């Protein structure tokens, strides 16, 4: 193993990966839910969902509006797609599924339809009552900027803003970020995506700067790959009962995986690289970084 792959957090990330024992049953490696998609954005929930599966989750459910469902189903038969998000009784239909899911991702391709945003806000409140581990990404973060109380003191929630979304949440003054982070209360983790992804813990006010990686190619969908892989890593970290924050370990693992998938795919495809090319690299990257092997 190269020296760049020997960081303490990477070792912790390797230790959360469950062994593939033959006596395990379907679902034990993770049942993930993705809430998102819209008529315009069907790729984002697919990228998040298929990434969660390819990292190692057993089952992934996608909750989307009716107009997006057939398109998302056509991308892959591996996904369980529920066209419920814009139905008049969406909460009643979705809520029974929540207890079956280990981690929920809200936001990929969600759009900003007012009715759907109201439904998602109600889902977040129900997830809080269930103490459901939750990842909020993309347009889910726009909802949070409108009502920060949805996640304040929500122990177990992870926010995944890019540079623009981060400024909306915390402002542009880097010196005031930790103070702004305190507005979230205890138990919220933030991974700020950028050249160096940064992980913030609102409980300890600790910041961890991830190593640089990837390439100069910034194709659409990378954030969805990170969100989906993060969901699987997060469940594994919670199950392994990490001594330090499971959310921080999971964020580091997802950041490292995504950056390295970009690096591997760019080496093969150069400027023509797309997110699908990155997803094709999940297996070799995971094998190199996270599988337990002799050095």
C-alpha atoms as a PDB file:
ATOM      1  CA  UNK A   1       0.000   0.000   0.000  1.00  0.00           C
ATOM      2  CA  UNK A   2       1.359   3.427  -0.891  1.00  0.00           C
ATOM      3  CA  UNK A   3       2.154   5.933   1.867  1.00  0.00           C
ATOM      4  CA  UNK A   4      -0.732   8.186   0.765  1.00  0.00           C
ATOM      5  CA  UNK A   5      -3.142   5.354   1.673  1.00  0.00           C
ATOM      6  CA  UNK A   6      -1.999   5.027   5.293  1.00  0.00           C
ATOM      7  CA  UNK A   7      -3.836   7.863   7.047  1.00  0.00           C
ATOM      8  CA  UNK A   8      -5.460   7.001  10.413  1.00  0.00           C
ATOM      9  CA  UNK A   9      -8.938   7.828   9.124  1.00  0.00           C
ATOM     10  CA  UNK A  10      -8.434   5.613   6.089  1.00  0.00           C
ATOM     11  CA  UNK A  11      -7.459   2.749   8.383  1.00  0.00           C
ATOM     12  CA  UNK A  12     -10.633   3.347  10.385  1.00  0.00           C
ATOM     13  CA  UNK A  13     -12.615   3.436   7.148  1.00  0.00           C
ATOM     14  CA  UNK A  14     -11.151   0.087   6.112  1.00  0.00           C
ATOM     15  CA  UNK A  15     -12.157  -1.362   9.470  1.00  0.00           C
ATOM     16  CA  UNK A  16     -15.855  -0.518   9.026  1.00  0.00           C
ATOM     17  CA  UNK A  17     -16.179  -2.589   5.844  1.00  0.00           C
ATOM     18  CA  UNK A  18     -18.167  -5.756   6.697  1.00  0.00           C
ATOM     19  CA  UNK A  19     -16.747  -9.131   5.770  1.00  0.00           C
ATOM     20  CA  UNK A  20     -18.606 -11.013   3.057  1.00  0.00           C
ATOM     21  CA  UNK A  21     -19.577 -13.999   5.192  1.00  0.00           C
ATOM     22  CA  UNK A  22     -21.791 -16.636   3.586  1.00  0.00           C
ATOM     23  CA  UNK A  23     -24.140 -16.705   6.594  1.00  0.00           C
ATOM     24  CA  UNK A  24     -25.188 -13.057   6.153  1.00  0.00           C
ATOM     25  CA  UNK A  25     -28.588 -12.397   4.610  1.00  0.00           C
ATOM     26  CA  UNK A  26     -29.813  -9.819   2.099  1.00  0.00           C
ATOM     27  CA  UNK A  27     -30.170  -6.435   3.723  1.00  0.00           C
ATOM     28  CA  UNK A  28     -27.532  -6.788   6.436  1.00  0.00           C
ATOM     29  CA  UNK A  29     -24.967  -4.835   4.405  1.00  0.00           C
ATOM     30  CA  UNK A  30     -27.332  -1.890   4.083  1.00  0.00           C
ATOM     31  CA  UNK A  31     -30.788  -0.828   2.982  1.00  0.00           C
ATOM     32  CA  UNK A  32     -30.563   2.706   1.631  1.00  0.00           C
ATOM     33  CA  UNK A  33     -33.272   5.178   0.618  1.00  0.00           C
ATOM     34  CA  UNK A  34     -32.809   7.973  -1.932  1.00  0.00           C
ATOM     35  CA  UNK A  35     -35.407  10.763  -1.954  1.00  0.00           C
ATOM     36  CA  UNK A  36     -35.121  12.912  -5.055  1.00  0.00           C
ATOM     37  CA  UNK A  37     -35.504  13.127  -8.771  1.00  0.00           C
ATOM     38  CA  UNK A  38     -37.745  15.288 -10.903  1.00  0.00           C
ATOM     39  CA  UNK A  39     -38.836  15.433 -14.527  1.00  0.00           C
ATOM     40  CA  UNK A  40     -35.714  17.445 -15.404  1.00  0.00           C
ATOM     41  CA  UNK A  41     -33.235  15.613 -13.152  1.00  0.00           C
ATOM     42  CA  UNK A  42     -33.501  11.836 -13.330  1.00  0.00           C
ATOM     43  CA  UNK A  43     -29.766  11.135 -13.474  1.00  0.00           C
ATOM     44  CA  UNK A  44     -28.890  12.430  -9.996  1.00  0.00           C
ATOM     45  CA  UNK A  45     -30.965   9.959  -7.944  1.00  0.00           C
ATOM     46  CA  UNK A  46     -29.793   7.152 -10.211  1.00  0.00           C
ATOM     47  CA  UNK A  47     -26.132   8.061  -9.729  1.00  0.00           C
ATOM     48  CA  UNK A  48     -26.590   8.228  -5.943  1.00  0.00           C
ATOM     49  CA  UNK A  49     -28.544   4.979  -5.793  1.00  0.00           C
ATOM     50  CA  UNK A  50     -26.284   2.913  -8.044  1.00  0.00           C
ATOM     51  CA  UNK A  51     -23.198   4.212  -6.198  1.00  0.00           C
ATOM     52  CA  UNK A  52     -24.648   3.062  -2.873  1.00  0.00           C
ATOM     53  CA  UNK A  53     -25.220  -0.377  -4.399  1.00  0.00           C
ATOM     54  CA  UNK A  54     -21.808  -0.647  -6.015  1.00  0.00           C
ATOM     55  CA  UNK A  55     -20.022   0.321  -2.803  1.00  0.00           C
ATOM     56  CA  UNK A  56     -21.773  -2.606  -1.172  1.00  0.00           C
ATOM     57  CA  UNK A  57     -25.313  -1.885   0.046  1.00  0.00           C
ATOM     58  CA  UNK A  58     -27.709  -4.761  -0.567  1.00  0.00           C
ATOM     59  CA  UNK A  59     -30.869  -2.834  -1.440  1.00  0.00           C
ATOM     60  CA  UNK A  60     -31.582   0.726  -2.562  1.00  0.00           C
ATOM     61  CA  UNK A  61     -35.030   2.313  -2.757  1.00  0.00           C
ATOM     62  CA  UNK A  62     -35.625   5.503  -4.772  1.00  0.00           C
ATOM     63  CA  UNK A  63     -38.593   7.715  -3.809  1.00  0.00           C
ATOM     64  CA  UNK A  64     -39.335  10.103  -6.677  1.00  0.00           C
ATOM     65  CA  UNK A  65     -42.203  11.898  -8.472  1.00  0.00           C
ATOM     66  CA  UNK A  66     -44.310   9.871 -10.847  1.00  0.00           C
ATOM     67  CA  UNK A  67     -42.891  11.610 -13.949  1.00  0.00           C
ATOM     68  CA  UNK A  68     -39.343  10.506 -13.097  1.00  0.00           C
ATOM     69  CA  UNK A  69     -40.044   6.925 -12.051  1.00  0.00           C
ATOM     70  CA  UNK A  70     -40.159   5.139 -15.424  1.00  0.00           C
ATOM     71  CA  UNK A  71     -37.009   6.912 -16.581  1.00  0.00           C
ATOM     72  CA  UNK A  72     -35.087   5.963 -13.442  1.00  0.00           C
ATOM     73  CA  UNK A  73     -36.348   2.376 -13.678  1.00  0.00           C
ATOM     74  CA  UNK A  74     -35.063   2.223 -17.253  1.00  0.00           C
ATOM     75  CA  UNK A  75     -31.531   3.056 -16.090  1.00  0.00           C
ATOM     76  CA  UNK A  76     -31.196  -0.050 -13.943  1.00  0.00           C
ATOM     77  CA  UNK A  77     -33.318  -3.026 -12.868  1.00  0.00           C
ATOM     78  CA  UNK A  78     -31.294  -3.142  -9.633  1.00  0.00           C
ATOM     79  CA  UNK A  79     -33.147  -0.205  -8.081  1.00  0.00           C
ATOM     80  CA  UNK A  80     -36.503  -0.339  -6.287  1.00  0.00           C
ATOM     81  CA  UNK A  81     -38.349   2.763  -7.501  1.00  0.00           C
ATOM     82  CA  UNK A  82     -41.397   4.243  -5.753  1.00  0.00           C
ATOM     83  CA  UNK A  83     -43.293   6.942  -7.759  1.00  0.00           C
ATOM     84  CA  UNK A  84     -44.771   8.496  -4.624  1.00  0.00           C
ATOM     85  CA  UNK A  85     -43.093  11.824  -3.943  1.00  0.00           C
ATOM     86  CA  UNK A  86     -45.719  14.002  -5.618  1.00  0.00           C
ATOM     87  CA  UNK A  87     -48.787  11.962  -4.696  1.00  0.00           C
ATOM     88  CA  UNK A  88     -51.484  13.632  -2.571  1.00  0.00           C
ATOM     89  CA  UNK A  89     -50.842  11.217   0.320  1.00  0.00           C
ATOM     90  CA  UNK A  90     -47.088  10.881  -0.151  1.00  0.00           C
ATOM     91  CA  UNK A  91     -46.223  10.864   3.562  1.00  0.00           C
ATOM     92  CA  UNK A  92     -48.748   8.131   4.350  1.00  0.00           C
ATOM     93  CA  UNK A  93     -47.339   5.951   1.552  1.00  0.00           C
ATOM     94  CA  UNK A  94     -43.639   6.582   2.220  1.00  0.00           C
ATOM     95  CA  UNK A  95     -43.604   6.462   6.031  1.00  0.00           C
ATOM     96  CA  UNK A  96     -44.053   2.655   6.343  1.00  0.00           C
ATOM     97  CA  UNK A  97     -40.854   2.167   4.317  1.00  0.00           C
ATOM     98  CA  UNK A  98     -38.718   4.354   6.554  1.00  0.00           C
ATOM     99  CA  UNK A  99     -38.328   1.853   9.385  1.00  0.00           C
ATOM    100  CA  UNK A 100     -36.913  -0.704   6.927  1.00  0.00           C
ATOM    101  CA  UNK A 101     -34.172   1.645   5.746  1.00  0.00           C
ATOM    102  CA  UNK A 102     -30.861   2.122   7.532  1.00  0.00           C
ATOM    103  CA  UNK A 103     -29.878   5.500   6.020  1.00  0.00           C
ATOM    104  CA  UNK A 104     -31.824   8.016   3.949  1.00  0.00           C
ATOM    105  CA  UNK A 105     -30.370  10.445   1.376  1.00  0.00           C
ATOM    106  CA  UNK A 106     -32.545  13.468   0.604  1.00  0.00           C
ATOM    107  CA  UNK A 107     -31.902  15.812  -2.307  1.00  0.00           C
ATOM    108  CA  UNK A 108     -30.320  14.370  -5.480  1.00  0.00           C
ATOM    109  CA  UNK A 109     -32.198  15.857  -8.449  1.00  0.00           C
ATOM    110  CA  UNK A 110     -35.038  16.925  -6.153  1.00  0.00           C
ATOM    111  CA  UNK A 111     -35.856  20.260  -7.788  1.00  0.00           C
ATOM    112  CA  UNK A 112     -37.774  22.983  -5.951  1.00  0.00           C
ATOM    113  CA  UNK A 113     -41.428  22.187  -6.501  1.00  0.00           C
ATOM    114  CA  UNK A 114     -43.272  23.702  -3.534  1.00  0.00           C
ATOM    115  CA  UNK A 115     -45.511  20.703  -2.855  1.00  0.00           C
ATOM    116  CA  UNK A 116     -42.591  18.276  -2.943  1.00  0.00           C
ATOM    117  CA  UNK A 117     -40.508  20.532  -0.713  1.00  0.00           C
ATOM    118  CA  UNK A 118     -43.326  20.517   1.855  1.00  0.00           C
ATOM    119  CA  UNK A 119     -43.451  16.725   1.666  1.00  0.00           C
ATOM    120  CA  UNK A 120     -39.699  16.478   2.142  1.00  0.00           C
ATOM    121  CA  UNK A 121     -39.824  18.814   5.151  1.00  0.00           C
ATOM    122  CA  UNK A 122     -42.396  16.497   6.740  1.00  0.00           C
ATOM    123  CA  UNK A 123     -40.210  13.487   5.933  1.00  0.00           C
ATOM    124  CA  UNK A 124     -37.252  15.081   7.698  1.00  0.00           C
ATOM    125  CA  UNK A 125     -39.405  15.662  10.801  1.00  0.00           C
ATOM    126  CA  UNK A 126     -40.512  12.016  10.780  1.00  0.00           C
ATOM    127  CA  UNK A 127     -36.917  10.854  10.301  1.00  0.00           C
ATOM    128  CA  UNK A 128     -35.908  12.912  13.343  1.00  0.00           C
ATOM    129  CA  UNK A 129     -38.629  11.197  15.415  1.00  0.00           C
ATOM    130  CA  UNK A 130     -37.364   7.808  14.219  1.00  0.00           C
ATOM    131  CA  UNK A 131     -33.729   8.855  14.901  1.00  0.00           C
ATOM    132  CA  UNK A 132     -32.997   7.895  11.313  1.00  0.00           C
ATOM    133  CA  UNK A 133     -29.449   8.570  10.047  1.00  0.00           C
ATOM    134  CA  UNK A 134     -29.924  11.151   7.321  1.00  0.00           C
ATOM    135  CA  UNK A 135     -27.818  12.700   4.534  1.00  0.00           C
ATOM    136  CA  UNK A 136     -29.034  15.942   2.950  1.00  0.00           C
ATOM    137  CA  UNK A 137     -27.620  16.931  -0.435  1.00  0.00           C
ATOM    138  CA  UNK A 138     -28.294  19.285  -3.378  1.00  0.00           C
ATOM    139  CA  UNK A 139     -31.785  20.818  -3.348  1.00  0.00           C
ATOM    140  CA  UNK A 140     -32.380  19.261   0.045  1.00  0.00           C
ATOM    141  CA  UNK A 141     -29.815  21.793   1.272  1.00  0.00           C
ATOM    142  CA  UNK A 142     -31.813  24.611  -0.318  1.00  0.00           C
ATOM    143  CA  UNK A 143     -34.708  23.540   1.889  1.00  0.00           C
ATOM    144  CA  UNK A 144     -32.437  23.686   4.946  1.00  0.00           C
ATOM    145  CA  UNK A 145     -31.373  27.252   4.118  1.00  0.00           C
ATOM    146  CA  UNK A 146     -35.078  28.178   4.199  1.00  0.00           C
ATOM    147  CA  UNK A 147     -35.647  26.480   7.575  1.00  0.00           C
ATOM    148  CA  UNK A 148     -32.527  25.607   9.566  1.00  0.00           C
ATOM    149  CA  UNK A 149     -34.713  24.269  12.408  1.00  0.00           C
ATOM    150  CA  UNK A 150     -35.329  21.124  10.341  1.00  0.00           C
ATOM    151  CA  UNK A 151     -31.830  19.896  11.211  1.00  0.00           C
ATOM    152  CA  UNK A 152     -30.929  21.891  14.338  1.00  0.00           C
ATOM    153  CA  UNK A 153     -29.774  19.445  17.030  1.00  0.00           C
ATOM    154  CA  UNK A 154     -30.632  16.520  14.737  1.00  0.00           C
ATOM    155  CA  UNK A 155     -28.095  13.998  15.975  1.00  0.00           C
ATOM    156  CA  UNK A 156     -26.985  11.838  13.042  1.00  0.00           C
ATOM    157  CA  UNK A 157     -27.605  14.149  10.100  1.00  0.00           C
ATOM    158  CA  UNK A 158     -24.877  14.851   7.512  1.00  0.00           C
ATOM    159  CA  UNK A 159     -24.987  17.851   5.164  1.00  0.00           C
ATOM    160  CA  UNK A 160     -23.005  17.681   1.897  1.00  0.00           C
ATOM    161  CA  UNK A 161     -22.763  21.231   0.454  1.00  0.00           C
ATOM    162  CA  UNK A 162     -20.641  22.276  -2.505  1.00  0.00           C
ATOM    163  CA  UNK A 163     -18.945  25.690  -2.431  1.00  0.00           C
ATOM    164  CA  UNK A 164     -22.064  27.703  -3.339  1.00  0.00           C
ATOM    165  CA  UNK A 165     -24.339  25.740  -1.008  1.00  0.00           C
ATOM    166  CA  UNK A 166     -21.800  26.077   1.801  1.00  0.00           C
ATOM    167  CA  UNK A 167     -21.807  29.874   1.477  1.00  0.00           C
ATOM    168  CA  UNK A 168     -25.616  29.922   1.576  1.00  0.00           C
ATOM    169  CA  UNK A 169     -25.548  27.959   4.812  1.00  0.00           C
ATOM    170  CA  UNK A 170     -22.578  29.518   6.605  1.00  0.00           C
ATOM    171  CA  UNK A 171     -21.656  32.742   4.808  1.00  0.00           C
ATOM    172  CA  UNK A 172     -18.460  33.737   3.009  1.00  0.00           C
ATOM    173  CA  UNK A 173     -16.353  34.702   6.046  1.00  0.00           C
ATOM    174  CA  UNK A 174     -14.079  31.701   6.638  1.00  0.00           C
ATOM    175  CA  UNK A 175     -13.135  33.061  10.071  1.00  0.00           C
ATOM    176  CA  UNK A 176     -16.748  32.789  11.229  1.00  0.00           C
ATOM    177  CA  UNK A 177     -17.496  29.302   9.947  1.00  0.00           C
ATOM    178  CA  UNK A 178     -17.129  27.467  13.254  1.00  0.00           C
ATOM    179  CA  UNK A 179     -19.384  30.033  14.917  1.00  0.00           C
ATOM    180  CA  UNK A 180     -21.948  29.621  12.140  1.00  0.00           C
ATOM    181  CA  UNK A 181     -21.659  25.857  12.462  1.00  0.00           C
ATOM    182  CA  UNK A 182     -22.745  26.203  16.068  1.00  0.00           C
ATOM    183  CA  UNK A 183     -26.180  27.361  14.824  1.00  0.00           C
ATOM    184  CA  UNK A 184     -26.829  23.769  13.797  1.00  0.00           C
ATOM    185  CA  UNK A 185     -26.614  22.573  17.390  1.00  0.00           C
ATOM    186  CA  UNK A 186     -25.180  19.232  18.452  1.00  0.00           C
ATOM    187  CA  UNK A 187     -24.744  16.113  16.356  1.00  0.00           C
ATOM    188  CA  UNK A 188     -24.716  17.583  12.838  1.00  0.00           C
ATOM    189  CA  UNK A 189     -21.805  16.772  10.515  1.00  0.00           C
ATOM    190  CA  UNK A 190     -20.947  18.787   7.403  1.00  0.00           C
ATOM    191  CA  UNK A 191     -18.728  17.742   4.519  1.00  0.00           C
ATOM    192  CA  UNK A 192     -17.803  20.755   2.398  1.00  0.00           C
ATOM    193  CA  UNK A 193     -16.960  19.577  -1.121  1.00  0.00           C
ATOM    194  CA  UNK A 194     -14.061  21.264  -2.878  1.00  0.00           C
ATOM    195  CA  UNK A 195     -10.425  20.879  -3.905  1.00  0.00           C
ATOM    196  CA  UNK A 196      -9.874  19.645  -0.372  1.00  0.00           C
ATOM    197  CA  UNK A 197     -13.100  18.303   1.092  1.00  0.00           C
ATOM    198  CA  UNK A 198     -13.477  19.535   4.672  1.00  0.00           C
ATOM    199  CA  UNK A 199     -15.421  17.718   7.392  1.00  0.00           C
ATOM    200  CA  UNK A 200     -16.935  19.673  10.295  1.00  0.00           C
ATOM    201  CA  UNK A 201     -18.431  18.247  13.491  1.00  0.00           C
ATOM    202  CA  UNK A 202     -20.927  20.631  15.123  1.00  0.00           C
ATOM    203  CA  UNK A 203     -20.690  18.844  18.482  1.00  0.00           C
ATOM    204  CA  UNK A 204     -16.928  19.061  18.958  1.00  0.00           C
ATOM    205  CA  UNK A 205     -16.397  21.964  16.508  1.00  0.00           C
ATOM    206  CA  UNK A 206     -13.621  19.815  15.074  1.00  0.00           C
ATOM    207  CA  UNK A 207     -12.533  20.282  11.449  1.00  0.00           C
ATOM    208  CA  UNK A 208     -10.723  17.697   9.330  1.00  0.00           C
ATOM    209  CA  UNK A 209      -9.288  18.556   5.935  1.00  0.00           C
ATOM    210  CA  UNK A 210      -9.253  15.637   3.510  1.00  0.00           C
ATOM    211  CA  UNK A 211      -6.327  15.134   1.113  1.00  0.00           C
ATOM    212  CA  UNK A 212      -6.519  16.532  -2.386  1.00  0.00           C
ATOM    213  CA  UNK A 213      -7.326  14.119  -5.165  1.00  0.00           C
ATOM    214  CA  UNK A 214      -9.087  13.593  -8.439  1.00  0.00           C
ATOM    215  CA  UNK A 215      -8.330  15.609 -11.552  1.00  0.00           C
ATOM    216  CA  UNK A 216      -9.125  18.899 -13.212  1.00  0.00           C
ATOM    217  CA  UNK A 217     -12.210  17.355 -14.834  1.00  0.00           C
ATOM    218  CA  UNK A 218     -15.377  18.292 -12.908  1.00  0.00           C
ATOM    219  CA  UNK A 219     -18.214  16.413 -14.574  1.00  0.00           C
ATOM    220  CA  UNK A 220     -21.761  16.523 -13.280  1.00  0.00           C
ATOM    221  CA  UNK A 221     -22.817  13.743 -10.940  1.00  0.00           C
ATOM    222  CA  UNK A 222     -19.753  13.539  -8.702  1.00  0.00           C
ATOM    223  CA  UNK A 223     -21.719  14.885  -5.745  1.00  0.00           C
ATOM    224  CA  UNK A 224     -24.360  12.220  -6.287  1.00  0.00           C
ATOM    225  CA  UNK A 225     -21.694   9.512  -6.300  1.00  0.00           C
ATOM    226  CA  UNK A 226     -20.385  10.905  -3.011  1.00  0.00           C
ATOM    227  CA  UNK A 227     -23.866  11.085  -1.428  1.00  0.00           C
ATOM    228  CA  UNK A 228     -24.770   7.523  -2.394  1.00  0.00           C
ATOM    229  CA  UNK A 229     -21.471   6.008  -1.332  1.00  0.00           C
ATOM    230  CA  UNK A 230     -21.603   8.041   1.884  1.00  0.00           C
ATOM    231  CA  UNK A 231     -24.936   6.427   2.792  1.00  0.00           C
ATOM    232  CA  UNK A 232     -23.441   2.935   2.618  1.00  0.00           C
ATOM    233  CA  UNK A 233     -20.274   3.906   4.465  1.00  0.00           C
ATOM    234  CA  UNK A 234     -22.352   5.697   7.110  1.00  0.00           C
ATOM    235  CA  UNK A 235     -24.421   2.607   7.866  1.00  0.00           C
ATOM    236  CA  UNK A 236     -21.287   0.495   8.120  1.00  0.00           C
ATOM    237  CA  UNK A 237     -19.621   3.032  10.414  1.00  0.00           C
ATOM    238  CA  UNK A 238     -22.667   3.122  12.706  1.00  0.00           C
ATOM    239  CA  UNK A 239     -22.826  -0.672  12.815  1.00  0.00           C
ATOM    240  CA  UNK A 240     -19.125  -0.967  13.657  1.00  0.00           C
ATOM    241  CA  UNK A 241     -19.592   1.388  16.641  1.00  0.00           C
ATOM    242  CA  UNK A 242     -16.608   3.628  15.929  1.00  0.00           C
ATOM    243  CA  UNK A 243     -14.935   5.287  18.902  1.00  0.00           C
ATOM    244  CA  UNK A 244     -14.771   8.564  17.009  1.00  0.00           C
ATOM    245  CA  UNK A 245     -17.648  10.053  15.039  1.00  0.00           C
ATOM    246  CA  UNK A 246     -19.064   7.430  12.622  1.00  0.00           C
ATOM    247  CA  UNK A 247     -20.214  10.304  10.409  1.00  0.00           C
ATOM    248  CA  UNK A 248     -16.678  11.682  10.173  1.00  0.00           C
ATOM    249  CA  UNK A 249     -15.239   8.266   9.247  1.00  0.00           C
ATOM    250  CA  UNK A 250     -17.962   7.771   6.629  1.00  0.00           C
ATOM    251  CA  UNK A 251     -17.419  11.242   5.152  1.00  0.00           C
ATOM    252  CA  UNK A 252     -13.702  10.604   4.845  1.00  0.00           C
ATOM    253  CA  UNK A 253     -14.314   7.240   3.167  1.00  0.00           C
ATOM    254  CA  UNK A 254     -16.794   8.694   0.664  1.00  0.00           C
ATOM    255  CA  UNK A 255     -14.554  11.672  -0.098  1.00  0.00           C
ATOM    256  CA  UNK A 256     -11.531   9.440  -0.698  1.00  0.00           C
ATOM    257  CA  UNK A 257     -13.516   7.023  -2.853  1.00  0.00           C
ATOM    258  CA  UNK A 258     -14.997   9.804  -5.000  1.00  0.00           C
ATOM    259  CA  UNK A 259     -11.702  11.630  -5.542  1.00  0.00           C
ATOM    260  CA  UNK A 260      -9.944   8.374  -6.441  1.00  0.00           C
ATOM    261  CA  UNK A 261     -12.718   7.301  -8.830  1.00  0.00           C
ATOM    262  CA  UNK A 262     -12.233  10.642 -10.561  1.00  0.00           C
ATOM    263  CA  UNK A 263      -8.484  10.048 -10.763  1.00  0.00           C
ATOM    264  CA  UNK A 264      -8.828   6.520 -12.148  1.00  0.00           C
ATOM    265  CA  UNK A 265     -11.544   7.461 -14.668  1.00  0.00           C
ATOM    266  CA  UNK A 266      -9.659  10.539 -15.864  1.00  0.00           C
ATOM    267  CA  UNK A 267      -6.603   8.412 -16.542  1.00  0.00           C
ATOM    268  CA  UNK A 268      -8.731   6.291 -18.871  1.00  0.00           C
ATOM    269  CA  UNK A 269     -11.028   8.890 -20.431  1.00  0.00           C
ATOM    270  CA  UNK A 270      -9.418  12.311 -20.037  1.00  0.00           C
ATOM    271  CA  UNK A 271     -11.678  15.216 -20.957  1.00  0.00           C
ATOM    272  CA  UNK A 272     -14.430  12.873 -22.127  1.00  0.00           C
ATOM    273  CA  UNK A 273     -14.831  11.432 -18.613  1.00  0.00           C
ATOM    274  CA  UNK A 274     -18.388  11.401 -17.238  1.00  0.00           C
ATOM    275  CA  UNK A 275     -19.871  10.321 -13.927  1.00  0.00           C
ATOM    276  CA  UNK A 276     -20.770   6.952 -15.444  1.00  0.00           C
ATOM    277  CA  UNK A 277     -17.064   6.400 -16.090  1.00  0.00           C
ATOM    278  CA  UNK A 278     -16.364   7.211 -12.439  1.00  0.00           C
ATOM    279  CA  UNK A 279     -19.009   4.751 -11.269  1.00  0.00           C
ATOM    280  CA  UNK A 280     -17.344   2.069 -13.401  1.00  0.00           C
ATOM    281  CA  UNK A 281     -14.223   2.639 -11.289  1.00  0.00           C
ATOM    282  CA  UNK A 282     -15.895   2.066  -7.917  1.00  0.00           C
ATOM    283  CA  UNK A 283     -14.904  -1.584  -7.859  1.00  0.00           C
ATOM    284  CA  UNK A 284     -11.169  -1.185  -8.570  1.00  0.00           C
ATOM    285  CA  UNK A 285     -10.950   1.858  -6.273  1.00  0.00           C
ATOM    286  CA  UNK A 286     -12.756   0.077  -3.442  1.00  0.00           C
ATOM    287  CA  UNK A 287     -10.561  -2.961  -3.962  1.00  0.00           C
ATOM    288  CA  UNK A 288      -7.388  -0.865  -3.761  1.00  0.00           C
ATOM    289  CA  UNK A 289      -8.411   1.322  -0.820  1.00  0.00           C
ATOM    290  CA  UNK A 290     -10.731  -0.596   1.447  1.00  0.00           C
ATOM    291  CA  UNK A 291     -10.383  -4.330   1.064  1.00  0.00           C
ATOM    292  CA  UNK A 292      -8.224  -5.973   3.739  1.00  0.00           C
ATOM    293  CA  UNK A 293      -5.068  -7.216   2.113  1.00  0.00           C
ATOM    294  CA  UNK A 294      -1.509  -7.846   3.122  1.00  0.00           C
ATOM    295  CA  UNK A 295       0.765  -4.906   2.274  1.00  0.00           C
END
